């Protein structure tokens, strides 16, 4: 069956590289949401823990429950707590004042503040009301954070948003002192914003996702970064046939052989989350020609290799399909076997 190889060495390299930029492993939160960007949540969580990482972020409570024993804190980015599960090791991101009011007593929360992205977050004007809700409902404020919308682009927007966040931090600290609350952790940097920083990190930690897996889409003017892809995708042969010049392969017969050749079928397709190539244009994966359309559970290549590598670096496929590396790796089926090498 098709399988994914996970490079332990490359993952450790990326984490240590990012931790150095952040100022230490205690200042790095690894983002493991959406099945660790397709790499396998539990595998990557155990590896990160073994490398000395203490904080992680996931999408849902279901994900958090699988890995919270490995970390001092797991931040849930897009879910709400149940009254049955309240633990100091699991925190929740809160994205609106309305949402904050719905959290049960003693919930650990990180309040998202809108510094300019205008996707989620409490506005600066709502901050005082948010603290009143936190006090009234007995919530445990563990963090205040924001998210940069253009950190990977050549623009000054990150500086503008950072200034906005600094203003909000000052206001928040005044309210914390006023209400005699423990000082929460402040965080704003994602992968791109951490990589492009030249000055020391001001926040308590950075949240890094895609960069830990070896990718960044930051503008080339910021230079090159020493990141190494962690995932490679492989498929194994189902069958081989000898075909003659002029014979056509697969659905619609869109691929016609220009000479007598061997064609083999491999056990991966768009049902496994791989992109559905329509066969109209040439697609070469790791030096091998794809023959015709990608089917639900299979695809064809010239030759008779026992296994083929579909990618060792998702950048090529992302460019070919006019998308981003996230889109290539996150959509891969969680049922594909993972092998740590």
Protein backbone atom coordinates (compact mmCIF):
# COMPACT_ATOMS: atom_id res chain seq x y z
CA UNK A 1 0.00 0.00 0.00
CA UNK A 2 0.96 3.64 -0.44
CA UNK A 3 2.89 5.13 2.47
CA UNK A 4 4.37 8.35 3.81
CA UNK A 5 7.93 8.51 5.12
CA UNK A 6 8.48 10.91 8.02
CA UNK A 7 12.05 12.12 8.44
CA UNK A 8 12.76 12.31 12.15
CA UNK A 9 16.10 13.98 11.42
CA UNK A 10 14.54 16.74 9.31
CA UNK A 11 11.78 17.40 11.84
CA UNK A 12 14.31 17.72 14.65
CA UNK A 13 16.45 20.00 12.48
CA UNK A 14 13.50 22.32 11.77
CA UNK A 15 12.43 22.48 15.41
CA UNK A 16 15.94 23.29 16.61
CA UNK A 17 16.35 25.91 13.86
CA UNK A 18 13.07 27.60 14.81
CA UNK A 19 13.73 27.30 18.54
CA UNK A 20 17.03 29.11 18.08
CA UNK A 21 15.22 31.95 16.31
CA UNK A 22 12.56 32.07 19.03
CA UNK A 23 15.09 32.11 21.86
CA UNK A 24 14.80 28.54 23.10
CA UNK A 25 12.52 25.52 22.95
CA UNK A 26 10.45 26.91 25.81
CA UNK A 27 9.52 29.78 23.47
CA UNK A 28 8.25 27.55 20.67
CA UNK A 29 4.72 26.16 20.38
CA UNK A 30 4.43 23.57 17.61
CA UNK A 31 1.16 23.56 15.70
CA UNK A 32 -0.19 20.04 15.21
CA UNK A 33 -3.69 20.84 13.95
CA UNK A 34 -5.38 18.92 11.13
CA UNK A 35 -3.51 15.70 11.85
CA UNK A 36 -0.20 17.58 12.09
CA UNK A 37 -0.67 19.04 8.61
CA UNK A 38 -1.18 15.53 7.25
CA UNK A 39 1.91 14.05 8.93
CA UNK A 40 0.02 12.17 11.72
CA UNK A 41 -0.86 13.88 14.97
CA UNK A 42 0.33 11.27 17.44
CA UNK A 43 3.58 10.50 15.65
CA UNK A 44 4.60 14.14 15.37
CA UNK A 45 3.49 14.95 18.92
CA UNK A 46 5.66 12.18 20.34
CA UNK A 47 8.62 13.31 18.26
CA UNK A 48 8.19 16.95 19.29
CA UNK A 49 7.96 15.94 22.94
CA UNK A 50 11.12 13.89 22.56
CA UNK A 51 12.88 16.93 21.12
CA UNK A 52 12.04 18.96 24.24
CA UNK A 53 8.96 20.90 23.11
CA UNK A 54 6.54 21.71 25.96
CA UNK A 55 3.68 23.47 24.13
CA UNK A 56 1.51 22.50 21.18
CA UNK A 57 -1.62 23.67 19.38
CA UNK A 58 -4.36 21.61 17.73
CA UNK A 59 -7.72 22.23 16.08
CA UNK A 60 -10.15 20.27 18.25
CA UNK A 61 -10.69 18.80 21.68
CA UNK A 62 -10.57 15.33 20.13
CA UNK A 63 -7.02 16.02 18.93
CA UNK A 64 -6.01 17.54 22.27
CA UNK A 65 -7.16 14.51 24.26
CA UNK A 66 -4.85 12.26 22.21
CA UNK A 67 -1.67 14.18 23.02
CA UNK A 68 -2.15 16.36 26.12
CA UNK A 69 -0.21 13.89 28.30
CA UNK A 70 2.90 14.76 26.27
CA UNK A 71 2.88 18.53 26.82
CA UNK A 72 2.60 21.08 29.59
CA UNK A 73 -0.09 22.83 27.56
CA UNK A 74 -2.15 22.08 24.46
CA UNK A 75 -3.97 25.04 22.92
CA UNK A 76 -7.19 24.21 21.05
CA UNK A 77 -7.65 26.67 18.22
CA UNK A 78 -11.18 25.94 16.96
CA UNK A 79 -13.37 24.14 19.47
CA UNK A 80 -15.31 24.73 22.69
CA UNK A 81 -14.90 22.96 26.04
CA UNK A 82 -17.35 20.57 27.62
CA UNK A 83 -18.26 20.87 31.27
CA UNK A 84 -17.02 17.33 31.79
CA UNK A 85 -13.43 18.03 30.79
CA UNK A 86 -11.61 20.83 32.57
CA UNK A 87 -7.85 20.49 32.92
CA UNK A 88 -5.01 22.97 33.26
CA UNK A 89 -3.09 21.26 30.46
CA UNK A 90 -5.77 22.03 27.84
CA UNK A 91 -6.56 25.62 26.87
CA UNK A 92 -8.96 27.12 24.34
CA UNK A 93 -8.57 29.97 21.91
CA UNK A 94 -11.48 32.42 22.17
CA UNK A 95 -12.23 34.42 19.05
CA UNK A 96 -15.09 36.71 20.06
CA UNK A 97 -16.72 38.34 23.06
CA UNK A 98 -19.87 36.36 22.33
CA UNK A 99 -17.88 33.13 22.32
CA UNK A 100 -16.15 34.03 25.58
CA UNK A 101 -19.51 34.27 27.36
CA UNK A 102 -20.29 30.65 26.45
CA UNK A 103 -17.24 29.10 28.10
CA UNK A 104 -17.95 27.14 31.29
CA UNK A 105 -16.43 28.16 34.60
CA UNK A 106 -12.73 27.36 35.15
CA UNK A 107 -12.02 27.01 31.43
CA UNK A 108 -8.44 27.90 30.51
CA UNK A 109 -8.54 30.44 27.70
CA UNK A 110 -6.26 32.34 25.33
CA UNK A 111 -8.06 35.45 24.11
CA UNK A 112 -7.58 36.23 20.42
CA UNK A 113 -7.41 39.99 19.79
CA UNK A 114 -7.94 41.54 16.37
CA UNK A 115 -4.84 43.54 15.46
CA UNK A 116 -5.86 44.03 11.85
CA UNK A 117 -6.48 40.68 10.16
CA UNK A 118 -10.25 41.05 10.70
CA UNK A 119 -10.91 37.32 10.57
CA UNK A 120 -11.27 36.54 14.26
CA UNK A 121 -10.55 38.25 17.54
CA UNK A 122 -11.83 40.66 20.14
CA UNK A 123 -11.40 44.32 19.26
CA UNK A 124 -9.40 46.71 21.41
CA UNK A 125 -12.65 48.42 22.38
CA UNK A 126 -14.06 45.12 23.67
CA UNK A 127 -11.05 44.24 25.82
CA UNK A 128 -12.42 45.69 29.06
CA UNK A 129 -15.72 43.86 28.57
CA UNK A 130 -13.78 40.65 27.96
CA UNK A 131 -12.00 40.99 31.30
CA UNK A 132 -15.34 41.54 33.04
CA UNK A 133 -16.65 38.30 31.51
CA UNK A 134 -13.46 36.46 32.54
CA UNK A 135 -13.87 37.61 36.14
CA UNK A 136 -17.63 37.07 36.29
CA UNK A 137 -17.47 33.56 34.83
CA UNK A 138 -14.36 32.47 36.71
CA UNK A 139 -12.27 31.78 33.62
CA UNK A 140 -8.53 31.14 33.75
CA UNK A 141 -6.82 33.64 31.41
CA UNK A 142 -3.65 31.89 30.25
CA UNK A 143 -2.87 33.84 27.10
CA UNK A 144 -3.58 36.79 24.82
CA UNK A 145 -2.64 36.48 21.17
CA UNK A 146 -3.10 37.73 17.64
CA UNK A 147 -2.35 36.54 14.10
CA UNK A 148 -0.46 38.32 11.31
CA UNK A 149 -2.21 38.36 7.95
CA UNK A 150 0.70 39.27 5.65
CA UNK A 151 3.84 38.00 7.36
CA UNK A 152 4.87 36.07 4.25
CA UNK A 153 4.52 39.07 1.94
CA UNK A 154 6.83 41.94 1.10
CA UNK A 155 4.91 44.66 2.92
CA UNK A 156 4.96 46.71 6.10
CA UNK A 157 1.69 45.27 7.39
CA UNK A 158 3.39 43.05 9.95
CA UNK A 159 4.93 46.14 11.58
CA UNK A 160 1.53 47.86 11.58
CA UNK A 161 -0.16 44.85 13.15
CA UNK A 162 2.66 44.43 15.66
CA UNK A 163 2.22 48.04 16.77
CA UNK A 164 -1.50 47.43 17.18
CA UNK A 165 -0.81 44.32 19.24
CA UNK A 166 1.65 46.22 21.44
CA UNK A 167 -1.06 48.79 22.17
CA UNK A 168 -3.49 46.04 23.09
CA UNK A 169 -0.85 44.39 25.30
CA UNK A 170 -0.35 47.62 27.24
CA UNK A 171 -4.07 47.97 27.79
CA UNK A 172 -4.39 44.31 28.78
CA UNK A 173 -1.55 44.56 31.30
CA UNK A 174 -3.24 47.54 32.96
CA UNK A 175 -6.46 45.55 33.29
CA UNK A 176 -4.56 42.53 34.62
CA UNK A 177 -2.99 44.67 37.34
CA UNK A 178 -6.30 46.36 38.07
CA UNK A 179 -8.12 43.06 38.57
CA UNK A 180 -5.11 41.37 40.23
CA UNK A 181 -4.96 38.51 37.75
CA UNK A 182 -1.90 36.37 36.99
CA UNK A 183 0.02 37.67 33.99
CA UNK A 184 -0.94 35.63 30.87
CA UNK A 185 1.39 34.65 28.05
CA UNK A 186 1.44 36.92 24.99
CA UNK A 187 2.03 35.45 21.53
CA UNK A 188 1.68 36.65 17.95
CA UNK A 189 4.35 35.19 15.66
CA UNK A 190 3.50 32.47 13.18
CA UNK A 191 6.10 30.71 11.03
CA UNK A 192 6.69 33.54 8.56
CA UNK A 193 6.73 36.30 11.14
CA UNK A 194 9.30 34.43 13.23
CA UNK A 195 11.51 33.63 10.24
CA UNK A 196 11.64 37.21 8.99
CA UNK A 197 12.43 38.72 12.39
CA UNK A 198 15.89 40.19 12.81
CA UNK A 199 15.39 41.31 16.40
CA UNK A 200 14.83 39.05 19.47
CA UNK A 201 11.31 37.75 20.04
CA UNK A 202 9.36 40.11 22.29
CA UNK A 203 6.52 37.71 23.05
CA UNK A 204 6.50 34.78 25.45
CA UNK A 205 6.53 32.29 22.59
CA UNK A 206 5.90 31.82 18.85
CA UNK A 207 3.40 29.47 17.21
CA UNK A 208 4.97 27.56 14.32
CA UNK A 209 3.16 25.16 12.04
CA UNK A 210 4.15 24.85 8.38
CA UNK A 211 7.81 25.70 9.03
CA UNK A 212 8.24 22.77 11.41
CA UNK A 213 7.32 20.51 8.49
CA UNK A 214 9.92 22.14 6.26
CA UNK A 215 8.08 24.83 4.32
CA UNK A 216 7.60 28.57 4.17
CA UNK A 217 5.92 30.79 1.60
CA UNK A 218 7.69 33.92 2.77
CA UNK A 219 8.71 36.37 0.04
CA UNK A 220 12.08 35.53 -1.53
CA UNK A 221 13.46 38.99 -0.73
CA UNK A 222 13.77 37.92 2.92
CA UNK A 223 16.36 35.34 1.90
CA UNK A 224 16.56 31.57 2.17
CA UNK A 225 15.77 29.61 5.30
CA UNK A 226 17.31 26.35 6.43
CA UNK A 227 14.15 24.26 6.49
CA UNK A 228 13.96 20.63 5.38
CA UNK A 229 10.76 18.86 4.21
CA UNK A 230 9.72 16.16 6.67
CA UNK A 231 7.31 14.19 4.49
CA UNK A 232 7.80 12.14 1.34
CA UNK A 233 4.93 10.31 -0.37
CA UNK A 234 5.32 6.87 -1.97
CA UNK A 235 3.11 4.43 -3.87
CA UNK A 236 3.59 0.74 -4.62
CA UNK A 237 3.00 -1.14 -7.85
CA UNK A 238 -0.27 -2.95 -8.48
CA UNK A 239 0.39 -4.20 -12.02
CA UNK A 240 2.49 -3.78 -15.17
CA UNK A 241 1.64 -4.16 -18.85
CA UNK A 242 3.55 -3.88 -22.12
CA UNK A 243 1.77 -1.53 -24.50
CA UNK A 244 2.36 -0.65 -28.12
CA UNK A 245 2.84 2.71 -29.74
CA UNK A 246 -0.54 4.41 -30.24
CA UNK A 247 -2.31 2.61 -27.39
CA UNK A 248 -3.94 4.86 -24.81
CA UNK A 249 -4.02 4.68 -21.02
CA UNK A 250 -6.71 5.27 -18.39
CA UNK A 251 -10.03 7.11 -18.31
CA UNK A 252 -10.78 8.95 -21.53
CA UNK A 253 -7.64 7.53 -23.11
CA UNK A 254 -6.03 10.96 -22.86
CA UNK A 255 -2.48 9.56 -22.71
CA UNK A 256 -1.21 7.99 -25.94
CA UNK A 257 2.07 6.11 -26.08
CA UNK A 258 4.56 7.50 -28.58
CA UNK A 259 6.54 4.23 -28.62
CA UNK A 260 6.28 0.69 -27.32
CA UNK A 261 6.69 0.88 -23.56
CA UNK A 262 5.86 -0.55 -20.15
CA UNK A 263 3.16 1.13 -18.08
CA UNK A 264 2.60 0.33 -14.39
CA UNK A 265 -0.29 1.17 -12.09
CA UNK A 266 0.30 2.31 -8.50
CA UNK A 267 -1.92 2.30 -5.42
CA UNK A 268 -2.68 5.97 -4.81
CA UNK A 269 -5.21 8.41 -6.25
CA UNK A 270 -7.42 11.37 -5.48
CA UNK A 271 -9.37 9.21 -3.00
CA UNK A 272 -6.19 9.30 -0.91
CA UNK A 273 -6.11 13.09 -1.06
CA UNK A 274 -3.65 13.37 -3.93
CA UNK A 275 -4.48 16.00 -6.54
CA UNK A 276 -6.63 14.85 -9.46
CA UNK A 277 -4.42 15.46 -12.47
CA UNK A 278 -6.60 15.50 -15.61
CA UNK A 279 -3.86 14.19 -17.88
CA UNK A 280 -4.09 17.09 -20.31
CA UNK A 281 -0.62 18.40 -19.52
CA UNK A 282 2.66 16.70 -18.72
CA UNK A 283 3.21 15.83 -15.07
CA UNK A 284 6.59 14.49 -14.00
CA UNK A 285 6.93 13.35 -10.39
CA UNK A 286 10.45 12.76 -9.11
CA UNK A 287 11.62 12.07 -12.66
CA UNK A 288 8.77 9.76 -13.69
CA UNK A 289 6.02 10.58 -16.21
CA UNK A 290 2.43 10.25 -15.05
CA UNK A 291 0.37 8.49 -17.75
CA UNK A 292 -3.11 9.94 -18.15
CA UNK A 293 -5.62 10.89 -15.51
CA UNK A 294 -5.22 10.23 -11.80
CA UNK A 295 -8.01 7.84 -10.75
CA UNK A 296 -9.70 7.56 -7.36
CA UNK A 297 -7.42 4.80 -6.09
CA UNK A 298 -4.63 4.56 -8.63
CA UNK A 299 -2.40 6.29 -11.14
CA UNK A 300 -0.07 5.13 -13.91
CA UNK A 301 3.60 5.75 -14.67
CA UNK A 302 5.95 4.67 -17.41
CA UNK A 303 8.27 1.85 -16.35
CA UNK A 304 7.95 -1.03 -13.90
CA UNK A 305 9.51 0.21 -10.65
CA UNK A 306 8.23 -1.61 -7.55
CA UNK A 307 7.53 1.72 -5.88
CA UNK A 308 7.52 5.36 -6.95
CA UNK A 309 8.00 8.59 -5.03
CA UNK A 310 5.31 11.18 -5.73
CA UNK A 311 7.16 13.93 -3.90
CA UNK A 312 9.97 14.58 -1.49
CA UNK A 313 9.30 18.31 -1.57
CA UNK A 314 5.73 19.55 -2.02
CA UNK A 315 6.81 22.87 -3.56
CA UNK A 316 6.88 21.43 -7.09
CA UNK A 317 3.34 20.07 -6.89
CA UNK A 318 2.06 23.26 -5.27
CA UNK A 319 3.47 25.30 -8.13
CA UNK A 320 2.17 22.83 -10.72
CA UNK A 321 -1.38 22.98 -9.37
CA UNK A 322 -1.26 26.73 -8.62
CA UNK A 323 -1.71 26.31 -4.89
CA UNK A 324 0.34 26.22 -1.67
CA UNK A 325 2.21 23.43 0.07
CA UNK A 326 -0.41 23.33 2.84
CA UNK A 327 -2.96 22.25 0.24
CA UNK A 328 -0.77 19.37 -0.95
CA UNK A 329 0.10 17.85 2.43
CA UNK A 330 -2.95 18.56 4.61
CA UNK A 331 -5.40 16.85 2.24
CA UNK A 332 -3.58 13.51 2.25
CA UNK A 333 -5.70 10.79 3.81
CA UNK A 334 -4.99 9.97 7.46
CA UNK A 335 -5.32 6.31 6.44
CA UNK A 336 -2.09 6.39 4.47
CA UNK A 337 0.51 4.44 6.45
CA UNK A 338 3.25 6.54 8.08
CA UNK A 339 6.81 5.26 8.46
CA UNK A 340 9.31 7.17 10.60
CA UNK A 341 12.81 6.98 9.15
